[in-house]
Amino acid sequence: MPGGPGLFASAAIFLTALACGIVANLQMRRPYERRIHGVPWFAIQFVAVVICFTLILHMASLITGHEFKGRAPY
């Protein structure tokens, strides 16, 4: 993969991260006694949101053909 993952791989990773975020959100909504303890559910949600946001941008650049460039001059 010279330019990163393709559209289908990005969509699969996006859906996996979204599913992990949904499961973590459901676990956080359960009563304290019924939760699976020892797992940082809030951190899993945060990482899932970051991955989903990054992959949305990546898939948008794959679909449109325009690269997102930063402010760095190089």
PDB file of N, CA and C in Angstrom:
ATOM      1  N   MET A   1       0.835  -1.187   0.000  1.00  0.00           N
ATOM      2  CA  MET A   1       0.000   0.000   0.000  1.00  0.00           C
ATOM      3  C   MET A   1       0.876   1.245   0.000  1.00  0.00           C
ATOM      4  N   PRO A   2       1.212   1.751  -1.138  1.00  0.00           N
ATOM      5  CA  PRO A   2       2.099   2.907  -1.156  1.00  0.00           C
ATOM      6  C   PRO A   2       1.466   4.168  -0.593  1.00  0.00           C
ATOM      7  N   GLY A   3       0.164   4.381  -0.789  1.00  0.00           N
ATOM      8  CA  GLY A   3      -0.480   5.600  -0.317  1.00  0.00           C
ATOM      9  C   GLY A   3      -1.387   5.381   0.869  1.00  0.00           C
ATOM     10  N   GLY A   4      -1.274   4.260   1.511  1.00  0.00           N
ATOM     11  CA  GLY A   4      -2.162   3.952   2.620  1.00  0.00           C
ATOM     12  C   GLY A   4      -3.228   2.971   2.183  1.00  0.00           C
ATOM     13  N   PRO A   5      -4.140   2.651   3.085  1.00  0.00           N
ATOM     14  CA  PRO A   5      -5.168   1.668   2.739  1.00  0.00           C
ATOM     15  C   PRO A   5      -6.142   2.203   1.699  1.00  0.00           C
ATOM     16  N   GLY A   6      -6.678   1.299   0.922  1.00  0.00           N
ATOM     17  CA  GLY A   6      -7.650   1.672  -0.098  1.00  0.00           C
ATOM     18  C   GLY A   6      -9.014   1.965   0.514  1.00  0.00           C
ATOM     19  N   LEU A   7      -9.977   2.175  -0.350  1.00  0.00           N
ATOM     20  CA  LEU A   7     -11.309   2.569   0.107  1.00  0.00           C
ATOM     21  C   LEU A   7     -11.997   1.447   0.881  1.00  0.00           C
ATOM     22  N   PHE A   8     -11.910   0.216   0.389  1.00  0.00           N
ATOM     23  CA  PHE A   8     -12.588  -0.886   1.065  1.00  0.00           C
ATOM     24  C   PHE A   8     -11.923  -1.223   2.399  1.00  0.00           C
ATOM     25  N   ALA A   9     -10.606  -1.180   2.451  1.00  0.00           N
ATOM     26  CA  ALA A   9      -9.914  -1.424   3.718  1.00  0.00           C
ATOM     27  C   ALA A   9     -10.220  -0.307   4.713  1.00  0.00           C
ATOM     28  N   SER A  10     -10.273   0.922   4.238  1.00  0.00           N
ATOM     29  CA  SER A  10     -10.604   2.045   5.116  1.00  0.00           C
ATOM     30  C   SER A  10     -12.025   1.918   5.654  1.00  0.00           C
ATOM     31  N   ALA A  11     -12.950   1.507   4.798  1.00  0.00           N
ATOM     32  CA  ALA A  11     -14.334   1.329   5.243  1.00  0.00           C
ATOM     33  C   ALA A  11     -14.441   0.208   6.266  1.00  0.00           C
ATOM     34  N   ALA A  12     -13.681  -0.871   6.076  1.00  0.00           N
ATOM     35  CA  ALA A  12     -13.712  -1.977   7.036  1.00  0.00           C
ATOM     36  C   ALA A  12     -13.138  -1.549   8.386  1.00  0.00           C
ATOM     37  N   ILE A  13     -12.037  -0.812   8.361  1.00  0.00           N
ATOM     38  CA  ILE A  13     -11.441  -0.325   9.611  1.00  0.00           C
ATOM     39  C   ILE A  13     -12.378   0.668  10.285  1.00  0.00           C
ATOM     40  N   PHE A  14     -13.019   1.531   9.494  1.00  0.00           N
ATOM     41  CA  PHE A  14     -13.973   2.497  10.032  1.00  0.00           C
ATOM     42  C   PHE A  14     -15.133   1.797  10.728  1.00  0.00           C
ATOM     43  N   LEU A  15     -15.701   0.782  10.071  1.00  0.00           N
ATOM     44  CA  LEU A  15     -16.826   0.068  10.671  1.00  0.00           C
ATOM     45  C   LEU A  15     -16.419  -0.697  11.926  1.00  0.00           C
ATOM     46  N   THR A  16     -15.199  -1.235  11.934  1.00  0.00           N
ATOM     47  CA  THR A  16     -14.708  -1.923  13.126  1.00  0.00           C
ATOM     48  C   THR A  16     -14.535  -0.953  14.285  1.00  0.00           C
ATOM     49  N   ALA A  17     -13.950   0.212  14.030  1.00  0.00           N
ATOM     50  CA  ALA A  17     -13.779   1.214  15.074  1.00  0.00           C
ATOM     51  C   ALA A  17     -15.125   1.730  15.559  1.00  0.00           C
ATOM     52  N   LEU A  18     -16.062   1.908  14.646  1.00  0.00           N
ATOM     53  CA  LEU A  18     -17.402   2.356  15.026  1.00  0.00           C
ATOM     54  C   LEU A  18     -18.093   1.321  15.912  1.00  0.00           C
ATOM     55  N   ALA A  19     -17.960   0.047  15.568  1.00  0.00           N
ATOM     56  CA  ALA A  19     -18.558  -1.013  16.383  1.00  0.00           C
ATOM     57  C   ALA A  19     -17.930  -1.067  17.770  1.00  0.00           C
ATOM     58  N   CYS A  20     -16.606  -0.922  17.849  1.00  0.00           N
ATOM     59  CA  CYS A  20     -15.943  -0.904  19.158  1.00  0.00           C
ATOM     60  C   CYS A  20     -16.404   0.287  19.989  1.00  0.00           C
ATOM     61  N   GLY A  21     -16.580   1.433  19.361  1.00  0.00           N
ATOM     62  CA  GLY A  21     -17.062   2.606  20.073  1.00  0.00           C
ATOM     63  C   GLY A  21     -18.482   2.431  20.569  1.00  0.00           C
ATOM     64  N   ILE A  22     -19.329   1.792  19.770  1.00  0.00           N
ATOM     65  CA  ILE A  22     -20.712   1.552  20.183  1.00  0.00           C
ATOM     66  C   ILE A  22     -20.759   0.572  21.349  1.00  0.00           C
ATOM     67  N   VAL A  23     -19.956  -0.479  21.296  1.00  0.00           N
ATOM     68  CA  VAL A  23     -19.916  -1.443  22.403  1.00  0.00           C
ATOM     69  C   VAL A  23     -19.418  -0.763  23.675  1.00  0.00           C
ATOM     70  N   ALA A  24     -18.394   0.069  23.560  1.00  0.00           N
ATOM     71  CA  ALA A  24     -17.878   0.776  24.733  1.00  0.00           C
ATOM     72  C   ALA A  24     -18.927   1.738  25.295  1.00  0.00           C
ATOM     73  N   ASN A  25     -19.675   2.391  24.420  1.00  0.00           N
ATOM     74  CA  ASN A  25     -20.721   3.296  24.870  1.00  0.00           C
ATOM     75  C   ASN A  25     -21.821   2.528  25.589  1.00  0.00           C
ATOM     76  N   LEU A  26     -22.202   1.386  25.062  1.00  0.00           N
ATOM     77  CA  LEU A  26     -23.226   0.575  25.726  1.00  0.00           C
ATOM     78  C   LEU A  26     -22.750   0.069  27.084  1.00  0.00           C
ATOM     79  N   GLN A  27     -21.478  -0.273  27.186  1.00  0.00           N
ATOM     80  CA  GLN A  27     -20.945  -0.714  28.473  1.00  0.00           C
ATOM     81  C   GLN A  27     -20.936   0.427  29.492  1.00  0.00           C
ATOM     82  N   MET A  28     -20.663   1.636  29.036  1.00  0.00           N
ATOM     83  CA  MET A  28     -20.664   2.782  29.956  1.00  0.00           C
ATOM     84  C   MET A  28     -22.072   3.094  30.453  1.00  0.00           C
ATOM     85  N   ARG A  29     -23.087   2.774  29.678  1.00  0.00           N
ATOM     86  CA  ARG A  29     -24.471   3.067  30.059  1.00  0.00           C
ATOM     87  C   ARG A  29     -25.061   2.026  30.997  1.00  0.00           C
ATOM     88  N   ARG A  30     -24.406   0.877  31.144  1.00  0.00           N
ATOM     89  CA  ARG A  30     -24.910  -0.165  32.034  1.00  0.00           C
ATOM     90  C   ARG A  30     -24.717   0.262  33.485  1.00  0.00           C
ATOM     91  N   PRO A  31     -25.528  -0.268  34.380  1.00  0.00           N
ATOM     92  CA  PRO A  31     -25.299   0.015  35.807  1.00  0.00           C
ATOM     93  C   PRO A  31     -23.915  -0.483  36.224  1.00  0.00           C
ATOM     94  N   TYR A  32     -23.366   0.150  37.236  1.00  0.00           N
ATOM     95  CA  TYR A  32     -21.992  -0.134  37.652  1.00  0.00           C
ATOM     96  C   TYR A  32     -21.805  -1.609  38.015  1.00  0.00           C
ATOM     97  N   GLU A  33     -22.800  -2.200  38.614  1.00  0.00           N
ATOM     98  CA  GLU A  33     -22.673  -3.593  39.058  1.00  0.00           C
ATOM     99  C   GLU A  33     -22.621  -4.563  37.873  1.00  0.00           C
ATOM    100  N   ARG A  34     -23.200  -4.192  36.750  1.00  0.00           N
ATOM    101  CA  ARG A  34     -23.279  -5.092  35.598  1.00  0.00           C
ATOM    102  C   ARG A  34     -22.195  -4.835  34.553  1.00  0.00           C
ATOM    103  N   ARG A  35     -21.329  -3.838  34.785  1.00  0.00           N
ATOM    104  CA  ARG A  35     -20.258  -3.539  33.828  1.00  0.00           C
ATOM    105  C   ARG A  35     -19.133  -4.551  33.913  1.00  0.00           C
ATOM    106  N   ILE A  36     -18.400  -4.679  32.820  1.00  0.00           N
ATOM    107  CA  ILE A  36     -17.161  -5.454  32.827  1.00  0.00           C
ATOM    108  C   ILE A  36     -16.089  -4.534  33.390  1.00  0.00           C
ATOM    109  N   HIS A  37     -15.517  -4.900  34.532  1.00  0.00           N
ATOM    110  CA  HIS A  37     -14.569  -4.020  35.215  1.00  0.00           C
ATOM    111  C   HIS A  37     -13.149  -4.214  34.692  1.00  0.00           C
ATOM    112  N   GLY A  38     -12.350  -3.203  34.863  1.00  0.00           N
ATOM    113  CA  GLY A  38     -10.948  -3.266  34.469  1.00  0.00           C
ATOM    114  C   GLY A  38     -10.677  -2.837  33.039  1.00  0.00           C
ATOM    115  N   VAL A  39     -11.701  -2.459  32.312  1.00  0.00           N
ATOM    116  CA  VAL A  39     -11.537  -2.031  30.927  1.00  0.00           C
ATOM    117  C   VAL A  39     -11.798  -0.532  30.864  1.00  0.00           C
ATOM    118  N   PRO A  40     -10.876   0.247  30.304  1.00  0.00           N
ATOM    119  CA  PRO A  40     -11.087   1.703  30.226  1.00  0.00           C
ATOM    120  C   PRO A  40     -12.044   2.062  29.084  1.00  0.00           C
ATOM    121  N   TRP A  41     -13.332   1.968  29.346  1.00  0.00           N
ATOM    122  CA  TRP A  41     -14.341   2.154  28.308  1.00  0.00           C
ATOM    123  C   TRP A  41     -14.307   3.555  27.721  1.00  0.00           C
ATOM    124  N   PHE A  42     -14.061   4.551  28.568  1.00  0.00           N
ATOM    125  CA  PHE A  42     -14.019   5.925  28.057  1.00  0.00           C
ATOM    126  C   PHE A  42     -12.841   6.112  27.103  1.00  0.00           C
ATOM    127  N   ALA A  43     -11.709   5.523  27.424  1.00  0.00           N
ATOM    128  CA  ALA A  43     -10.538   5.615  26.546  1.00  0.00           C
ATOM    129  C   ALA A  43     -10.800   4.906  25.214  1.00  0.00           C
ATOM    130  N   ILE A  44     -11.505   3.779  25.262  1.00  0.00           N
ATOM    131  CA  ILE A  44     -11.841   3.064  24.031  1.00  0.00           C
ATOM    132  C   ILE A  44     -12.753   3.922  23.164  1.00  0.00           C
ATOM    133  N   GLN A  45     -13.715   4.601  23.780  1.00  0.00           N
ATOM    134  CA  GLN A  45     -14.588   5.500  23.024  1.00  0.00           C
ATOM    135  C   GLN A  45     -13.789   6.620  22.383  1.00  0.00           C
ATOM    136  N   PHE A  46     -12.858   7.196  23.131  1.00  0.00           N
ATOM    137  CA  PHE A  46     -12.056   8.306  22.611  1.00  0.00           C
ATOM    138  C   PHE A  46     -11.213   7.858  21.424  1.00  0.00           C
ATOM    139  N   VAL A  47     -10.557   6.728  21.549  1.00  0.00           N
ATOM    140  CA  VAL A  47      -9.719   6.218  20.461  1.00  0.00           C
ATOM    141  C   VAL A  47     -10.579   5.879  19.241  1.00  0.00           C
ATOM    142  N   ALA A  48     -11.760   5.312  19.469  1.00  0.00           N
ATOM    143  CA  ALA A  48     -12.650   4.986  18.359  1.00  0.00           C
ATOM    144  C   ALA A  48     -13.101   6.242  17.624  1.00  0.00           C
ATOM    145  N   VAL A  49     -13.389   7.316  18.355  1.00  0.00           N
ATOM    146  CA  VAL A  49     -13.798   8.571  17.710  1.00  0.00           C
ATOM    147  C   VAL A  49     -12.652   9.149  16.890  1.00  0.00           C
ATOM    148  N   VAL A  50     -11.439   9.109  17.421  1.00  0.00           N
ATOM    149  CA  VAL A  50     -10.280   9.635  16.690  1.00  0.00           C
ATOM    150  C   VAL A  50     -10.044   8.821  15.414  1.00  0.00           C
ATOM    151  N   ILE A  51     -10.123   7.503  15.518  1.00  0.00           N
ATOM    152  CA  ILE A  51      -9.928   6.655  14.339  1.00  0.00           C
ATOM    153  C   ILE A  51     -11.019   6.909  13.308  1.00  0.00           C
ATOM    154  N   CYS A  52     -12.264   7.004  13.751  1.00  0.00           N
ATOM    155  CA  CYS A  52     -13.376   7.248  12.815  1.00  0.00           C
ATOM    156  C   CYS A  52     -13.229   8.595  12.119  1.00  0.00           C
ATOM    157  N   PHE A  53     -12.868   9.632  12.866  1.00  0.00           N
ATOM    158  CA  PHE A  53     -12.694  10.951  12.264  1.00  0.00           C
ATOM    159  C   PHE A  53     -11.566  10.938  11.234  1.00  0.00           C
ATOM    160  N   THR A  54     -10.454  10.314  11.585  1.00  0.00           N
ATOM    161  CA  THR A  54      -9.322  10.244  10.657  1.00  0.00           C
ATOM    162  C   THR A  54      -9.690   9.469   9.394  1.00  0.00           C
ATOM    163  N   LEU A  55     -10.407   8.379   9.558  1.00  0.00           N
ATOM    164  CA  LEU A  55     -10.770   7.580   8.389  1.00  0.00           C
ATOM    165  C   LEU A  55     -11.838   8.248   7.536  1.00  0.00           C
ATOM    166  N   ILE A  56     -12.710   9.054   8.142  1.00  0.00           N
ATOM    167  CA  ILE A  56     -13.667   9.816   7.332  1.00  0.00           C
ATOM    168  C   ILE A  56     -12.909  10.780   6.426  1.00  0.00           C
ATOM    169  N   LEU A  57     -11.915  11.460   6.991  1.00  0.00           N
ATOM    170  CA  LEU A  57     -11.108  12.364   6.169  1.00  0.00           C
ATOM    171  C   LEU A  57     -10.347  11.601   5.087  1.00  0.00           C
ATOM    172  N   HIS A  58      -9.812  10.440   5.455  1.00  0.00           N
ATOM    173  CA  HIS A  58      -9.056   9.641   4.498  1.00  0.00           C
ATOM    174  C   HIS A  58      -9.954   9.152   3.355  1.00  0.00           C
ATOM    175  N   MET A  59     -11.138   8.672   3.707  1.00  0.00           N
ATOM    176  CA  MET A  59     -12.047   8.192   2.662  1.00  0.00           C
ATOM    177  C   MET A  59     -12.547   9.334   1.790  1.00  0.00           C
ATOM    178  N   ALA A  60     -12.734  10.512   2.379  1.00  0.00           N
ATOM    179  CA  ALA A  60     -13.139  11.667   1.571  1.00  0.00           C
ATOM    180  C   ALA A  60     -12.047  12.037   0.575  1.00  0.00           C
ATOM    181  N   SER A  61     -10.786  11.940   1.009  1.00  0.00           N
ATOM    182  CA  SER A  61      -9.699  12.257   0.078  1.00  0.00           C
ATOM    183  C   SER A  61      -9.574  11.183  -1.003  1.00  0.00           C
ATOM    184  N   LEU A  62      -9.867   9.933  -0.670  1.00  0.00           N
ATOM    185  CA  LEU A  62      -9.835   8.885  -1.693  1.00  0.00           C
ATOM    186  C   LEU A  62     -10.960   9.065  -2.710  1.00  0.00           C
ATOM    187  N   ILE A  63     -12.130   9.452  -2.232  1.00  0.00           N
ATOM    188  CA  ILE A  63     -13.275   9.595  -3.137  1.00  0.00           C
ATOM    189  C   ILE A  63     -13.123  10.817  -4.035  1.00  0.00           C
ATOM    190  N   THR A  64     -12.684  11.944  -3.446  1.00  0.00           N
ATOM    191  CA  THR A  64     -12.590  13.174  -4.231  1.00  0.00           C
ATOM    192  C   THR A  64     -11.301  13.277  -5.029  1.00  0.00           C
ATOM    193  N   GLY A  65     -10.247  12.614  -4.587  1.00  0.00           N
ATOM    194  CA  GLY A  65      -8.966  12.694  -5.273  1.00  0.00           C
ATOM    195  C   GLY A  65      -8.093  13.841  -4.805  1.00  0.00           C
ATOM    196  N   HIS A  66      -8.536  14.622  -3.827  1.00  0.00           N
ATOM    197  CA  HIS A  66      -7.751  15.734  -3.290  1.00  0.00           C
ATOM    198  C   HIS A  66      -7.123  15.324  -1.969  1.00  0.00           C
ATOM    199  N   GLU A  67      -5.842  15.606  -1.830  1.00  0.00           N
ATOM    200  CA  GLU A  67      -5.162  15.294  -0.582  1.00  0.00           C
ATOM    201  C   GLU A  67      -5.358  16.417   0.411  1.00  0.00           C
ATOM    202  N   PHE A  68      -5.480  16.050   1.690  1.00  0.00           N
ATOM    203  CA  PHE A  68      -5.530  17.058   2.740  1.00  0.00           C
ATOM    204  C   PHE A  68      -4.098  17.346   3.171  1.00  0.00           C
ATOM    205  N   LYS A  69      -3.697  18.581   3.000  1.00  0.00           N
ATOM    206  CA  LYS A  69      -2.330  18.955   3.343  1.00  0.00           C
ATOM    207  C   LYS A  69      -2.335  19.800   4.608  1.00  0.00           C
ATOM    208  N   GLY A  70      -1.278  19.657   5.390  1.00  0.00           N
ATOM    209  CA  GLY A  70      -1.143  20.451   6.595  1.00  0.00           C
ATOM    210  C   GLY A  70      -0.533  21.802   6.297  1.00  0.00           C
ATOM    211  N   ARG A  71      -0.200  22.493   7.348  1.00  0.00           N
ATOM    212  CA  ARG A  71       0.385  23.828   7.185  1.00  0.00           C
ATOM    213  C   ARG A  71       1.898  23.789   7.050  1.00  0.00           C
ATOM    214  N   ALA A  72       2.480  22.622   7.264  1.00  0.00           N
ATOM    215  CA  ALA A  72       3.940  22.516   7.198  1.00  0.00           C
ATOM    216  C   ALA A  72       4.415  22.794   5.766  1.00  0.00           C
ATOM    217  N   PRO A  73       5.534  23.506   5.615  1.00  0.00           N
ATOM    218  CA  PRO A  73       5.996  23.857   4.268  1.00  0.00           C
ATOM    219  C   PRO A  73       6.635  22.700   3.519  1.00  0.00           C
ATOM    220  N   TYR A  74       6.877  21.581   4.123  1.00  0.00           N
ATOM    221  CA  TYR A  74       7.532  20.460   3.433  1.00  0.00           C
ATOM    222  C   TYR A  74       6.564  19.362   3.109  1.00  0.00           C
TER     223      TYR A  74
END
